[in-house]
Amino acid sequence: MTPRTVEEYPVSDRESGPYALTTGPDGALWFTLVHSGRIGRLVPGQEPTSHQLAPDSGPTVICNGPDGALWFTQYRGHRIGRITPAGQVTEFALPTAECGPFGIAAGPDGALWFTETAADRVGRVTTDGSVAEYPLPRTGAFPSMIAAAGDSMWFTMNQANAIGRIGMDGRITVHELPTEAAAPVGIAVGPDGSVWFAEIAAGQIGRLTPDGRITEYALPDRSAKPHAVTTDADGTAWFTEWGGNRVGSLTSDGTVTVHDLPTSGSEPHGITVGPDGALWTALETGALARIKPTTTRTTLATKNTEQRNTP
């Protein structure tokens, strides 16, 4: 493991639950407070601020929109939200009741795409609030995180043990995972078009290349419960270990670096590249953590699995 290279910035009490975060168009970190129904904002070195939604709305994942605003899912409120850097909030109801929207990302078509965990659908909302929904070819799939790549969106199917792809025409392709019951959650796309995903139940990080090859990298701590994943400009995948209280990175050659978090049991969830180029993660116990750059790495010696899928 690396020496301690992590700084924590308190942003809420322990009950509010920082969950996901992103760098906004204003250069600040914006984050969801899932348990208190708020959207927070942090400029490092300044005091955090927040904007109150309905207390029981459950804001979950947040992303940048194509319109200069931040967009987020309300998992318990069953809505999609939009907040401007000035703090003006707009909410959009969804056609399917009790659908449990979770992941959200900007698509190549200028719309926002999101998952509906309880309805087995992927949704699309335009910046003026028009919503379309696309049913998955599986039931009980629990679609979770979603990310854009080229002319399509990629998403995890947590209970179907698969990665899904949806084109802008609504056509869906399913890629089965080699490891049974891996339960993928987080997903991100690297600059080379590779799709990275976290297998929370298997203690692995997966990579799906543009030619359809899936490689699964077993982590040194198989009980770490990797949750969220993002990529940096070099194409390195960064992930949170929710059960291991760590943040890790993984290169395409199987080199891993792990960082212990200073506070025990801090429950790291979302992760993103911050405005300063460092990696930031949301700690559900009430803080955002900054991971300083490091060159110390540990190479994985555990067995990896490969499978080729039709792209």
C-alpha atoms as a PDB file:
ATOM      1  CA  MET A   1       0.000   0.000   0.000  1.00  0.00           C
ATOM      2  CA  THR A   2       1.073   3.565  -0.555  1.00  0.00           C
ATOM      3  CA  PRO A   3       1.954   6.036   2.185  1.00  0.00           C
ATOM      4  CA  ARG A   4      -0.908   8.256   3.255  1.00  0.00           C
ATOM      5  CA  THR A   5      -1.625  10.692   0.412  1.00  0.00           C
ATOM      6  CA  VAL A   6      -5.225  11.595   1.186  1.00  0.00           C
ATOM      7  CA  GLU A   7      -6.813  14.774   2.561  1.00  0.00           C
ATOM      8  CA  GLU A   8     -10.394  14.934   3.831  1.00  0.00           C
ATOM      9  CA  TYR A   9     -12.711  17.956   3.642  1.00  0.00           C
ATOM     10  CA  PRO A  10     -15.816  17.777   5.871  1.00  0.00           C
ATOM     11  CA  VAL A  11     -18.957  18.833   3.990  1.00  0.00           C
ATOM     12  CA  SER A  12     -21.834  17.548   6.143  1.00  0.00           C
ATOM     13  CA  ASP A  13     -22.722  15.617   9.282  1.00  0.00           C
ATOM     14  CA  ARG A  14     -22.435  11.831   9.323  1.00  0.00           C
ATOM     15  CA  GLU A  15     -26.147  11.315   8.666  1.00  0.00           C
ATOM     16  CA  SER A  16     -26.402  13.347   5.423  1.00  0.00           C
ATOM     17  CA  GLY A  17     -24.541  10.880   3.241  1.00  0.00           C
ATOM     18  CA  PRO A  18     -22.305  12.406   0.522  1.00  0.00           C
ATOM     19  CA  TYR A  19     -22.749   9.882  -2.274  1.00  0.00           C
ATOM     20  CA  ALA A  20     -21.651  11.025  -5.762  1.00  0.00           C
ATOM     21  CA  LEU A  21     -19.714  14.016  -7.051  1.00  0.00           C
ATOM     22  CA  THR A  22     -18.544  15.742 -10.199  1.00  0.00           C
ATOM     23  CA  THR A  23     -16.594  18.819 -11.242  1.00  0.00           C
ATOM     24  CA  GLY A  24     -19.089  21.464 -12.320  1.00  0.00           C
ATOM     25  CA  PRO A  25     -18.835  24.019 -15.122  1.00  0.00           C
ATOM     26  CA  ASP A  26     -17.912  26.637 -12.506  1.00  0.00           C
ATOM     27  CA  GLY A  27     -14.803  24.708 -11.427  1.00  0.00           C
ATOM     28  CA  ALA A  28     -16.326  23.636  -8.098  1.00  0.00           C
ATOM     29  CA  LEU A  29     -17.063  20.139  -6.826  1.00  0.00           C
ATOM     30  CA  TRP A  30     -20.795  19.391  -6.774  1.00  0.00           C
ATOM     31  CA  PHE A  31     -22.069  16.435  -4.773  1.00  0.00           C
ATOM     32  CA  THR A  32     -25.258  14.714  -3.674  1.00  0.00           C
ATOM     33  CA  LEU A  33     -26.316  14.294  -0.047  1.00  0.00           C
ATOM     34  CA  VAL A  34     -28.495  11.227  -0.448  1.00  0.00           C
ATOM     35  CA  HIS A  35     -29.916  10.983   3.069  1.00  0.00           C
ATOM     36  CA  SER A  36     -30.728  14.660   3.675  1.00  0.00           C
ATOM     37  CA  GLY A  37     -32.058  15.538   0.213  1.00  0.00           C
ATOM     38  CA  ARG A  38     -29.519  18.211  -0.672  1.00  0.00           C
ATOM     39  CA  ILE A  39     -27.098  19.125  -3.438  1.00  0.00           C
ATOM     40  CA  GLY A  40     -23.765  20.399  -2.158  1.00  0.00           C
ATOM     41  CA  ARG A  41     -20.986  22.517  -3.614  1.00  0.00           C
ATOM     42  CA  LEU A  42     -17.356  22.774  -2.509  1.00  0.00           C
ATOM     43  CA  VAL A  43     -14.546  25.004  -3.660  1.00  0.00           C
ATOM     44  CA  PRO A  44     -11.449  23.532  -1.970  1.00  0.00           C
ATOM     45  CA  GLY A  45     -10.275  25.925   0.710  1.00  0.00           C
ATOM     46  CA  GLN A  46     -13.715  27.464   1.186  1.00  0.00           C
ATOM     47  CA  GLU A  47     -16.750  26.500   3.247  1.00  0.00           C
ATOM     48  CA  PRO A  48     -19.178  24.073   1.566  1.00  0.00           C
ATOM     49  CA  THR A  49     -22.667  25.222   0.648  1.00  0.00           C
ATOM     50  CA  SER A  50     -25.794  23.223  -0.160  1.00  0.00           C
ATOM     51  CA  HIS A  51     -29.243  23.534  -1.707  1.00  0.00           C
ATOM     52  CA  GLN A  52     -32.227  21.801  -0.102  1.00  0.00           C
ATOM     53  CA  LEU A  53     -34.539  19.540  -2.097  1.00  0.00           C
ATOM     54  CA  ALA A  54     -37.388  17.474  -0.690  1.00  0.00           C
ATOM     55  CA  PRO A  55     -35.792  15.771   2.348  1.00  0.00           C
ATOM     56  CA  ASP A  56     -36.892  12.293   1.246  1.00  0.00           C
ATOM     57  CA  SER A  57     -35.974  12.681  -2.464  1.00  0.00           C
ATOM     58  CA  GLY A  58     -32.705  10.725  -2.271  1.00  0.00           C
ATOM     59  CA  PRO A  59     -30.469  12.604  -4.748  1.00  0.00           C
ATOM     60  CA  THR A  60     -27.989  10.001  -5.925  1.00  0.00           C
ATOM     61  CA  VAL A  61     -25.764  10.466  -9.007  1.00  0.00           C
ATOM     62  CA  ILE A  62     -24.857  13.880 -10.434  1.00  0.00           C
ATOM     63  CA  CYS A  63     -23.254  14.883 -13.741  1.00  0.00           C
ATOM     64  CA  ASN A  64     -22.578  17.856 -15.990  1.00  0.00           C
ATOM     65  CA  GLY A  65     -25.219  18.607 -18.589  1.00  0.00           C
ATOM     66  CA  PRO A  66     -24.715  20.064 -22.066  1.00  0.00           C
ATOM     67  CA  ASP A  67     -26.549  23.239 -20.994  1.00  0.00           C
ATOM     68  CA  GLY A  68     -24.110  24.493 -18.355  1.00  0.00           C
ATOM     69  CA  ALA A  69     -26.132  23.022 -15.474  1.00  0.00           C
ATOM     70  CA  LEU A  70     -25.752  19.982 -13.228  1.00  0.00           C
ATOM     71  CA  TRP A  71     -28.221  17.092 -13.591  1.00  0.00           C
ATOM     72  CA  PHE A  72     -28.969  14.466 -10.964  1.00  0.00           C
ATOM     73  CA  THR A  73     -31.231  11.527 -10.184  1.00  0.00           C
ATOM     74  CA  GLN A  74     -33.653  11.420  -7.249  1.00  0.00           C
ATOM     75  CA  TYR A  75     -33.743   7.736  -6.374  1.00  0.00           C
ATOM     76  CA  ARG A  76     -36.515   7.955  -3.804  1.00  0.00           C
ATOM     77  CA  GLY A  77     -38.336  10.909  -5.377  1.00  0.00           C
ATOM     78  CA  HIS A  78     -38.462   9.172  -8.789  1.00  0.00           C
ATOM     79  CA  ARG A  79     -37.510  12.392 -10.578  1.00  0.00           C
ATOM     80  CA  ILE A  80     -34.657  13.888 -12.564  1.00  0.00           C
ATOM     81  CA  GLY A  81     -33.290  17.167 -11.213  1.00  0.00           C
ATOM     82  CA  ARG A  82     -31.374  20.061 -12.711  1.00  0.00           C
ATOM     83  CA  ILE A  83     -29.458  22.721 -10.795  1.00  0.00           C
ATOM     84  CA  THR A  84     -27.665  25.738 -12.218  1.00  0.00           C
ATOM     85  CA  PRO A  85     -24.346  26.961 -10.778  1.00  0.00           C
ATOM     86  CA  ALA A  86     -26.396  29.795  -9.224  1.00  0.00           C
ATOM     87  CA  GLY A  87     -28.506  27.220  -7.349  1.00  0.00           C
ATOM     88  CA  GLN A  88     -31.782  27.314  -9.317  1.00  0.00           C
ATOM     89  CA  VAL A  89     -33.425  23.878  -9.233  1.00  0.00           C
ATOM     90  CA  THR A  90     -35.841  22.343 -11.748  1.00  0.00           C
ATOM     91  CA  GLU A  91     -37.351  18.878 -11.357  1.00  0.00           C
ATOM     92  CA  PHE A  92     -38.787  16.582 -14.019  1.00  0.00           C
ATOM     93  CA  ALA A  93     -41.339  13.860 -13.256  1.00  0.00           C
ATOM     94  CA  LEU A  94     -40.876  10.516 -15.003  1.00  0.00           C
ATOM     95  CA  PRO A  95     -43.565   8.551 -16.890  1.00  0.00           C
ATOM     96  CA  THR A  96     -43.049   5.325 -14.948  1.00  0.00           C
ATOM     97  CA  ALA A  97     -44.021   5.507 -11.281  1.00  0.00           C
ATOM     98  CA  GLU A  98     -41.641   4.205  -8.598  1.00  0.00           C
ATOM     99  CA  CYS A  99     -38.934   3.611 -11.211  1.00  0.00           C
ATOM    100  CA  GLY A 100     -35.927   4.384  -8.971  1.00  0.00           C
ATOM    101  CA  PRO A 101     -33.659   6.485 -11.228  1.00  0.00           C
ATOM    102  CA  PHE A 102     -30.025   6.007 -10.228  1.00  0.00           C
ATOM    103  CA  GLY A 103     -27.189   6.568 -12.733  1.00  0.00           C
ATOM    104  CA  ILE A 104     -27.113   9.563 -15.083  1.00  0.00           C
ATOM    105  CA  ALA A 105     -24.715  10.851 -17.756  1.00  0.00           C
ATOM    106  CA  ALA A 106     -24.715  13.278 -20.666  1.00  0.00           C
ATOM    107  CA  GLY A 107     -25.070  11.546 -24.022  1.00  0.00           C
ATOM    108  CA  PRO A 108     -23.543  12.329 -27.427  1.00  0.00           C
ATOM    109  CA  ASP A 109     -26.952  13.553 -28.628  1.00  0.00           C
ATOM    110  CA  GLY A 110     -27.174  16.511 -26.235  1.00  0.00           C
ATOM    111  CA  ALA A 111     -29.616  14.740 -23.883  1.00  0.00           C
ATOM    112  CA  LEU A 112     -29.194  13.149 -20.446  1.00  0.00           C
ATOM    113  CA  TRP A 113     -29.445   9.377 -20.174  1.00  0.00           C
ATOM    114  CA  PHE A 114     -30.301   7.607 -16.922  1.00  0.00           C
ATOM    115  CA  THR A 115     -31.091   4.180 -15.495  1.00  0.00           C
ATOM    116  CA  GLU A 116     -34.347   3.096 -13.847  1.00  0.00           C
ATOM    117  CA  THR A 117     -33.352   0.428 -11.339  1.00  0.00           C
ATOM    118  CA  ALA A 118     -36.862  -0.667 -10.390  1.00  0.00           C
ATOM    119  CA  ALA A 119     -38.348  -0.578 -13.900  1.00  0.00           C
ATOM    120  CA  ASP A 120     -35.687  -2.360 -15.999  1.00  0.00           C
ATOM    121  CA  ARG A 121     -35.408   0.625 -18.306  1.00  0.00           C
ATOM    122  CA  VAL A 122     -32.962   3.214 -19.559  1.00  0.00           C
ATOM    123  CA  GLY A 123     -34.369   6.718 -19.818  1.00  0.00           C
ATOM    124  CA  ARG A 124     -33.517   9.799 -21.841  1.00  0.00           C
ATOM    125  CA  VAL A 125     -34.416  13.368 -20.926  1.00  0.00           C
ATOM    126  CA  THR A 126     -33.788  16.401 -23.106  1.00  0.00           C
ATOM    127  CA  THR A 127     -32.749  19.717 -21.610  1.00  0.00           C
ATOM    128  CA  ASP A 128     -36.328  20.976 -21.989  1.00  0.00           C
ATOM    129  CA  GLY A 129     -37.679  18.022 -19.984  1.00  0.00           C
ATOM    130  CA  SER A 130     -38.988  15.644 -22.665  1.00  0.00           C
ATOM    131  CA  VAL A 131     -38.584  12.044 -21.446  1.00  0.00           C
ATOM    132  CA  ALA A 132     -38.366   8.727 -23.322  1.00  0.00           C
ATOM    133  CA  GLU A 133     -37.897   5.280 -21.801  1.00  0.00           C
ATOM    134  CA  TYR A 134     -36.391   2.131 -23.318  1.00  0.00           C
ATOM    135  CA  PRO A 135     -37.177  -1.311 -21.795  1.00  0.00           C
ATOM    136  CA  LEU A 136     -34.289  -3.723 -21.254  1.00  0.00           C
ATOM    137  CA  PRO A 137     -34.359  -7.263 -22.683  1.00  0.00           C
ATOM    138  CA  ARG A 138     -34.011  -8.631 -19.122  1.00  0.00           C
ATOM    139  CA  THR A 139     -36.262  -8.441 -16.082  1.00  0.00           C
ATOM    140  CA  GLY A 140     -34.903  -7.846 -12.607  1.00  0.00           C
ATOM    141  CA  ALA A 141     -31.651  -6.528 -14.108  1.00  0.00           C
ATOM    142  CA  PHE A 142     -31.318  -3.525 -11.742  1.00  0.00           C
ATOM    143  CA  PRO A 143     -29.555  -1.197 -14.240  1.00  0.00           C
ATOM    144  CA  SER A 144     -27.222   0.985 -12.205  1.00  0.00           C
ATOM    145  CA  MET A 145     -24.486   3.389 -13.403  1.00  0.00           C
ATOM    146  CA  ILE A 146     -24.280   4.710 -16.967  1.00  0.00           C
ATOM    147  CA  ALA A 147     -21.573   6.378 -19.095  1.00  0.00           C
ATOM    148  CA  ALA A 148     -21.167   7.728 -22.627  1.00  0.00           C
ATOM    149  CA  ALA A 149     -18.796   6.343 -25.261  1.00  0.00           C
ATOM    150  CA  GLY A 150     -18.768   7.516 -28.856  1.00  0.00           C
ATOM    151  CA  ASP A 151     -22.277   7.242 -30.268  1.00  0.00           C
ATOM    152  CA  SER A 152     -23.730   5.124 -27.456  1.00  0.00           C
ATOM    153  CA  MET A 153     -24.292   4.755 -23.723  1.00  0.00           C
ATOM    154  CA  TRP A 154     -22.952   1.912 -21.589  1.00  0.00           C
ATOM    155  CA  PHE A 155     -24.544   0.800 -18.320  1.00  0.00           C
ATOM    156  CA  THR A 156     -24.179  -1.884 -15.677  1.00  0.00           C
ATOM    157  CA  MET A 157     -26.896  -4.485 -15.143  1.00  0.00           C
ATOM    158  CA  ASN A 158     -26.222  -5.285 -11.508  1.00  0.00           C
ATOM    159  CA  GLN A 159     -28.547  -8.269 -11.066  1.00  0.00           C
ATOM    160  CA  ALA A 160     -28.247  -9.578 -14.631  1.00  0.00           C
ATOM    161  CA  ASN A 161     -24.452  -9.885 -14.366  1.00  0.00           C
ATOM    162  CA  ALA A 162     -23.943  -8.010 -17.608  1.00  0.00           C
ATOM    163  CA  ILE A 163     -22.916  -4.752 -19.255  1.00  0.00           C
ATOM    164  CA  GLY A 164     -25.467  -3.124 -21.543  1.00  0.00           C
ATOM    165  CA  ARG A 165     -25.050  -0.812 -24.505  1.00  0.00           C
ATOM    166  CA  ILE A 166     -27.780   1.383 -25.933  1.00  0.00           C
ATOM    167  CA  GLY A 167     -27.406   3.251 -29.199  1.00  0.00           C
ATOM    168  CA  MET A 168     -29.026   6.560 -30.010  1.00  0.00           C
ATOM    169  CA  ASP A 169     -31.678   4.594 -31.903  1.00  0.00           C
ATOM    170  CA  GLY A 170     -32.677   2.802 -28.675  1.00  0.00           C
ATOM    171  CA  ARG A 171     -31.246  -0.567 -29.727  1.00  0.00           C
ATOM    172  CA  ILE A 172     -29.785  -2.464 -26.738  1.00  0.00           C
ATOM    173  CA  THR A 173     -26.943  -5.007 -26.749  1.00  0.00           C
ATOM    174  CA  VAL A 174     -26.038  -7.123 -23.709  1.00  0.00           C
ATOM    175  CA  HIS A 175     -22.512  -8.327 -22.854  1.00  0.00           C
ATOM    176  CA  GLU A 176     -22.438 -11.197 -20.355  1.00  0.00           C
ATOM    177  CA  LEU A 177     -19.673 -11.174 -17.713  1.00  0.00           C
ATOM    178  CA  PRO A 178     -17.321 -14.146 -17.266  1.00  0.00           C
ATOM    179  CA  THR A 179     -17.673 -14.227 -13.460  1.00  0.00           C
ATOM    180  CA  GLU A 180     -21.039 -15.346 -12.120  1.00  0.00           C
ATOM    181  CA  ALA A 181     -22.862 -13.052  -9.693  1.00  0.00           C
ATOM    182  CA  ALA A 182     -20.224 -10.318 -10.041  1.00  0.00           C
ATOM    183  CA  ALA A 183     -22.889  -7.592  -9.555  1.00  0.00           C
ATOM    184  CA  PRO A 184     -21.383  -4.697 -11.575  1.00  0.00           C
ATOM    185  CA  VAL A 185     -22.183  -1.184 -10.308  1.00  0.00           C
ATOM    186  CA  GLY A 186     -19.865   1.666 -11.331  1.00  0.00           C
ATOM    187  CA  ILE A 187     -18.917   2.266 -14.966  1.00  0.00           C
ATOM    188  CA  ALA A 188     -16.716   4.716 -16.886  1.00  0.00           C
ATOM    189  CA  VAL A 189     -15.197   5.062 -20.340  1.00  0.00           C
ATOM    190  CA  GLY A 190     -11.516   5.760 -20.962  1.00  0.00           C
ATOM    191  CA  PRO A 191     -10.021   7.952 -23.698  1.00  0.00           C
ATOM    192  CA  ASP A 192      -9.321   4.843 -25.824  1.00  0.00           C
ATOM    193  CA  GLY A 193     -12.984   3.813 -25.748  1.00  0.00           C
ATOM    194  CA  SER A 194     -12.499   1.023 -23.213  1.00  0.00           C
ATOM    195  CA  VAL A 195     -15.346   0.570 -20.750  1.00  0.00           C
ATOM    196  CA  TRP A 196     -14.282   0.038 -17.128  1.00  0.00           C
ATOM    197  CA  PHE A 197     -16.665  -1.276 -14.479  1.00  0.00           C
ATOM    198  CA  ALA A 198     -16.621  -2.293 -10.812  1.00  0.00           C
ATOM    199  CA  GLU A 199     -17.776  -5.787  -9.799  1.00  0.00           C
ATOM    200  CA  ILE A 200     -18.845  -5.172  -6.220  1.00  0.00           C
ATOM    201  CA  ALA A 201     -19.640  -8.782  -5.316  1.00  0.00           C
ATOM    202  CA  ALA A 202     -16.546 -10.316  -6.947  1.00  0.00           C
ATOM    203  CA  GLY A 203     -13.844  -7.916  -5.766  1.00  0.00           C
ATOM    204  CA  GLN A 204     -12.815  -7.230  -9.349  1.00  0.00           C
ATOM    205  CA  ILE A 205     -12.513  -4.398 -11.862  1.00  0.00           C
ATOM    206  CA  GLY A 206     -13.576  -5.234 -15.409  1.00  0.00           C
ATOM    207  CA  ARG A 207     -12.548  -3.767 -18.757  1.00  0.00           C
ATOM    208  CA  LEU A 208     -14.433  -4.134 -22.031  1.00  0.00           C
ATOM    209  CA  THR A 209     -12.363  -3.072 -25.041  1.00  0.00           C
ATOM    210  CA  PRO A 210     -13.863  -1.636 -28.240  1.00  0.00           C
ATOM    211  CA  ASP A 211     -13.296  -4.991 -29.994  1.00  0.00           C
ATOM    212  CA  GLY A 212     -15.502  -6.765 -27.435  1.00  0.00           C
ATOM    213  CA  ARG A 213     -12.891  -8.359 -25.169  1.00  0.00           C
ATOM    214  CA  ILE A 214     -13.685  -8.446 -21.444  1.00  0.00           C
ATOM    215  CA  THR A 215     -10.864  -8.723 -18.911  1.00  0.00           C
ATOM    216  CA  GLU A 216     -11.537  -8.978 -15.180  1.00  0.00           C
ATOM    217  CA  TYR A 217      -8.796  -7.920 -12.760  1.00  0.00           C
ATOM    218  CA  ALA A 218      -9.019  -9.518  -9.320  1.00  0.00           C
ATOM    219  CA  LEU A 219      -8.150  -7.032  -6.586  1.00  0.00           C
ATOM    220  CA  PRO A 220      -5.682  -7.921  -3.808  1.00  0.00           C
ATOM    221  CA  ASP A 221      -8.553  -7.635  -1.309  1.00  0.00           C
ATOM    222  CA  ARG A 222     -11.423  -9.608  -2.821  1.00  0.00           C
ATOM    223  CA  SER A 223     -13.748  -8.418  -0.026  1.00  0.00           C
ATOM    224  CA  ALA A 224     -13.151  -4.723  -0.837  1.00  0.00           C
ATOM    225  CA  LYS A 225     -16.530  -4.238  -2.573  1.00  0.00           C
ATOM    226  CA  PRO A 226     -15.409  -1.897  -5.409  1.00  0.00           C
ATOM    227  CA  HIS A 227     -18.276   0.483  -6.074  1.00  0.00           C
ATOM    228  CA  ALA A 228     -17.668   3.479  -8.366  1.00  0.00           C
ATOM    229  CA  VAL A 229     -15.107   3.970 -11.136  1.00  0.00           C
ATOM    230  CA  THR A 230     -13.825   6.865 -13.233  1.00  0.00           C
ATOM    231  CA  THR A 231     -10.911   7.378 -15.632  1.00  0.00           C
ATOM    232  CA  ASP A 232      -8.235  10.046 -15.846  1.00  0.00           C
ATOM    233  CA  ALA A 233      -6.627  11.656 -18.887  1.00  0.00           C
ATOM    234  CA  ASP A 234      -4.043   8.859 -19.109  1.00  0.00           C
ATOM    235  CA  GLY A 235      -6.749   6.188 -19.287  1.00  0.00           C
ATOM    236  CA  THR A 236      -6.100   4.863 -15.791  1.00  0.00           C
ATOM    237  CA  ALA A 237      -9.210   3.602 -14.010  1.00  0.00           C
ATOM    238  CA  TRP A 238      -9.759   4.865 -10.457  1.00  0.00           C
ATOM    239  CA  PHE A 239     -12.209   3.127  -8.165  1.00  0.00           C
ATOM    240  CA  THR A 240     -13.566   3.189  -4.636  1.00  0.00           C
ATOM    241  CA  GLU A 241     -13.390   0.211  -2.292  1.00  0.00           C
ATOM    242  CA  TRP A 242     -16.544   0.671  -0.263  1.00  0.00           C
ATOM    243  CA  GLY A 243     -15.852  -2.380   1.900  1.00  0.00           C
ATOM    244  CA  GLY A 244     -12.083  -1.833   2.118  1.00  0.00           C
ATOM    245  CA  ASN A 245     -12.037   1.873   3.044  1.00  0.00           C
ATOM    246  CA  ARG A 246      -9.649   2.579   0.191  1.00  0.00           C
ATOM    247  CA  VAL A 247      -9.338   4.197  -3.224  1.00  0.00           C
ATOM    248  CA  GLY A 248      -7.455   2.339  -5.937  1.00  0.00           C
ATOM    249  CA  SER A 249      -6.208   2.809  -9.474  1.00  0.00           C
ATOM    250  CA  LEU A 250      -5.710   0.265 -12.244  1.00  0.00           C
ATOM    251  CA  THR A 251      -3.897   0.614 -15.545  1.00  0.00           C
ATOM    252  CA  SER A 252      -4.608  -1.437 -18.645  1.00  0.00           C
ATOM    253  CA  ASP A 253      -1.516  -3.570 -17.983  1.00  0.00           C
ATOM    254  CA  GLY A 254      -2.893  -4.709 -14.612  1.00  0.00           C
ATOM    255  CA  THR A 255      -0.940  -2.382 -12.337  1.00  0.00           C
ATOM    256  CA  VAL A 256      -2.832  -1.370  -9.208  1.00  0.00           C
ATOM    257  CA  THR A 257      -2.243   1.301  -6.565  1.00  0.00           C
ATOM    258  CA  VAL A 258      -4.255   1.451  -3.369  1.00  0.00           C
ATOM    259  CA  HIS A 259      -4.684   4.330  -0.920  1.00  0.00           C
ATOM    260  CA  ASP A 260      -5.984   3.829   2.601  1.00  0.00           C
ATOM    261  CA  LEU A 261      -8.460   6.482   3.685  1.00  0.00           C
ATOM    262  CA  PRO A 262      -7.552   8.274   6.937  1.00  0.00           C
ATOM    263  CA  THR A 263     -10.922   7.749   8.654  1.00  0.00           C
ATOM    264  CA  SER A 264     -11.958   4.169   9.320  1.00  0.00           C
ATOM    265  CA  GLY A 265     -15.332   3.057   8.003  1.00  0.00           C
ATOM    266  CA  SER A 266     -15.735   6.162   5.830  1.00  0.00           C
ATOM    267  CA  GLU A 267     -17.715   4.355   3.096  1.00  0.00           C
ATOM    268  CA  PRO A 268     -16.298   5.811  -0.148  1.00  0.00           C
ATOM    269  CA  HIS A 269     -18.822   5.873  -2.980  1.00  0.00           C
ATOM    270  CA  GLY A 270     -18.575   8.217  -5.994  1.00  0.00           C
ATOM    271  CA  ILE A 271     -15.240   9.241  -7.513  1.00  0.00           C
ATOM    272  CA  THR A 272     -14.230  11.868 -10.078  1.00  0.00           C
ATOM    273  CA  VAL A 273     -11.312  13.915 -11.378  1.00  0.00           C
ATOM    274  CA  GLY A 274     -11.457  17.236  -9.566  1.00  0.00           C
ATOM    275  CA  PRO A 275     -10.856  20.775 -10.830  1.00  0.00           C
ATOM    276  CA  ASP A 276      -7.244  20.516  -9.610  1.00  0.00           C
ATOM    277  CA  GLY A 277      -6.520  17.308 -11.545  1.00  0.00           C
ATOM    278  CA  ALA A 278      -6.499  15.177  -8.391  1.00  0.00           C
ATOM    279  CA  LEU A 279      -8.967  12.370  -7.711  1.00  0.00           C
ATOM    280  CA  TRP A 280     -11.830  13.113  -5.323  1.00  0.00           C
ATOM    281  CA  THR A 281     -14.235  10.708  -3.668  1.00  0.00           C
ATOM    282  CA  ALA A 282     -17.420  11.152  -1.646  1.00  0.00           C
ATOM    283  CA  LEU A 283     -17.359   9.599   1.823  1.00  0.00           C
ATOM    284  CA  GLU A 284     -20.807   8.733   3.106  1.00  0.00           C
ATOM    285  CA  THR A 285     -19.718   9.588   6.640  1.00  0.00           C
ATOM    286  CA  GLY A 286     -19.641  13.301   5.785  1.00  0.00           C
ATOM    287  CA  ALA A 287     -16.579  14.367   3.791  1.00  0.00           C
ATOM    288  CA  LEU A 288     -14.984  14.604   0.370  1.00  0.00           C
ATOM    289  CA  ALA A 289     -11.489  13.117   0.106  1.00  0.00           C
ATOM    290  CA  ARG A 290      -8.703  14.253  -2.220  1.00  0.00           C
ATOM    291  CA  ILE A 291      -6.141  11.715  -3.372  1.00  0.00           C
ATOM    292  CA  LYS A 292      -2.794  13.313  -4.165  1.00  0.00           C
ATOM    293  CA  PRO A 293      -0.892  12.080  -7.231  1.00  0.00           C
ATOM    294  CA  THR A 294       1.667   9.331  -6.548  1.00  0.00           C
ATOM    295  CA  THR A 295       4.004   7.144  -8.561  1.00  0.00           C
ATOM    296  CA  THR A 296       4.121   4.199  -6.131  1.00  0.00           C
ATOM    297  CA  ARG A 297       2.329   1.150  -7.535  1.00  0.00           C
ATOM    298  CA  THR A 298       1.760  -2.512  -6.724  1.00  0.00           C
ATOM    299  CA  THR A 299       1.366  -4.977  -9.594  1.00  0.00           C
ATOM    300  CA  LEU A 300      -1.497  -7.445  -9.338  1.00  0.00           C
ATOM    301  CA  ALA A 301      -0.377 -11.021  -8.969  1.00  0.00           C
ATOM    302  CA  THR A 302      -3.876 -12.488  -8.822  1.00  0.00           C
ATOM    303  CA  LYS A 303      -5.515 -14.354 -11.682  1.00  0.00           C
ATOM    304  CA  ASN A 304      -7.321 -12.337 -14.350  1.00  0.00           C
ATOM    305  CA  THR A 305     -10.047 -13.674 -16.630  1.00  0.00           C
ATOM    306  CA  GLU A 306     -10.684 -12.802 -20.250  1.00  0.00           C
ATOM    307  CA  GLN A 307     -13.675 -13.271 -22.525  1.00  0.00           C
ATOM    308  CA  ARG A 308     -14.327 -11.964 -26.005  1.00  0.00           C
ATOM    309  CA  ASN A 309     -17.799 -10.667 -26.840  1.00  0.00           C
ATOM    310  CA  THR A 310     -19.229  -9.544 -30.127  1.00  0.00           C
ATOM    311  CA  PRO A 311     -18.999  -5.749 -30.161  1.00  0.00           C
END
